[in-house]
Amino acid sequence: MTTLRVSDSGVGVAADDLPRIFERFYRGDKSRSREHNPGGSGLGLAICQAIVSALKGKIQVQSNSGRGSVFIVVLPLA
C-alpha cells in the first residue's frame, strides 16, 4: 500500500459537514452558494472518492474547524 497525505491550514471542515463532504453537489459552507460564489459545484471530493474507489483504495479526512484539514488517500500497490 501507498499513502498520500494532503494538508492545508485553511478554515477546516465543520464537524457537522464531515459525514457528507464526499457526496455529490454537497457544499457545507452556505456562504459558498452559487449566488455568492459562482466557482465550484460540490463535485471535486466526490470525483476524488470515485477515482480512489475505482483503484480499490480509500480516502478519508481529518479536520478541525478553524485549523485546517488533512486528506489521506491509501492505494494498493500494483
Protein backbone atom coordinates (compact mmCIF):
# COMPACT_ATOMS: atom_id res chain seq x y z
CA MET A 1 0.00 0.00 0.00
CA THR A 2 0.99 3.57 -0.53
CA THR A 3 -0.33 6.61 1.28
CA LEU A 4 -0.75 10.16 0.04
CA ARG A 5 -1.40 12.84 2.62
CA VAL A 6 -2.51 16.36 1.64
CA SER A 7 -2.94 19.00 4.30
CA ASP A 8 -3.81 22.67 4.48
CA SER A 9 -4.04 25.34 7.13
CA GLY A 10 -7.37 26.73 5.95
CA VAL A 11 -10.66 27.11 7.75
CA GLY A 12 -11.21 23.36 8.09
CA VAL A 13 -14.48 21.49 7.82
CA ALA A 14 -17.21 21.82 10.41
CA ALA A 15 -17.87 18.59 12.32
CA ASP A 16 -21.49 18.56 11.11
CA ASP A 17 -20.31 18.62 7.48
CA LEU A 18 -17.67 15.88 7.71
CA PRO A 19 -20.03 12.92 7.12
CA ARG A 20 -21.28 14.50 3.87
CA ILE A 21 -18.26 16.10 2.19
CA PHE A 22 -17.79 13.26 -0.30
CA GLU A 23 -21.42 13.48 -1.51
CA ARG A 24 -22.01 14.84 -5.00
CA PHE A 25 -23.02 18.51 -5.03
CA TYR A 26 -22.64 18.90 -1.26
CA ARG A 27 -21.36 22.31 -0.21
CA GLY A 28 -21.13 22.65 3.53
CA ASP A 29 -20.29 26.33 3.76
CA LYS A 30 -23.57 28.09 2.95
CA SER A 31 -21.66 31.31 2.14
CA ARG A 32 -20.23 29.45 -0.87
CA SER A 33 -23.61 29.16 -2.56
CA ARG A 34 -23.78 29.71 -6.32
CA GLU A 35 -25.42 33.06 -5.62
CA HIS A 36 -22.40 34.42 -3.71
CA ASN A 37 -19.61 32.43 -5.36
CA PRO A 38 -20.01 31.22 -8.94
CA GLY A 39 -16.98 28.87 -8.71
CA GLY A 40 -17.28 25.23 -7.75
CA SER A 41 -20.15 22.82 -7.91
CA GLY A 42 -19.54 20.47 -4.98
CA LEU A 43 -18.21 17.69 -7.22
CA GLY A 44 -14.46 17.75 -6.53
CA LEU A 45 -14.34 15.48 -3.49
CA ALA A 46 -16.99 13.15 -4.93
CA ILE A 47 -14.85 12.72 -8.05
CA CYS A 48 -11.76 12.10 -5.92
CA GLN A 49 -13.61 9.45 -3.95
CA ALA A 50 -14.85 7.76 -7.14
CA ILE A 51 -11.33 7.60 -8.57
CA VAL A 52 -9.84 6.27 -5.34
CA SER A 53 -12.62 3.66 -5.06
CA ALA A 54 -12.07 2.56 -8.67
CA LEU A 55 -8.41 1.99 -7.76
CA LYS A 56 -9.51 -0.13 -4.77
CA GLY A 57 -8.29 2.48 -2.30
CA LYS A 58 -9.71 4.58 0.49
CA ILE A 59 -9.90 8.31 1.12
CA GLN A 60 -10.59 9.95 4.45
CA VAL A 61 -10.40 13.37 6.02
CA GLN A 62 -9.35 14.66 9.41
CA SER A 63 -10.36 18.23 10.12
CA ASN A 64 -10.76 20.74 12.88
CA SER A 65 -12.85 23.79 12.16
CA GLY A 66 -10.55 26.81 12.08
CA ARG A 67 -7.36 24.70 11.95
CA GLY A 68 -7.26 23.10 8.50
CA SER A 69 -7.76 19.63 7.06
CA VAL A 70 -5.76 16.54 6.20
CA PHE A 71 -6.91 14.27 3.39
CA ILE A 72 -5.42 10.79 3.39
CA VAL A 73 -5.54 8.54 0.33
CA VAL A 74 -4.47 4.91 0.69
CA LEU A 75 -3.97 2.91 -2.50
CA PRO A 76 -2.86 -0.67 -3.00
CA LEU A 77 0.39 -1.23 -4.86
CA ALA A 78 0.13 -2.92 -8.26
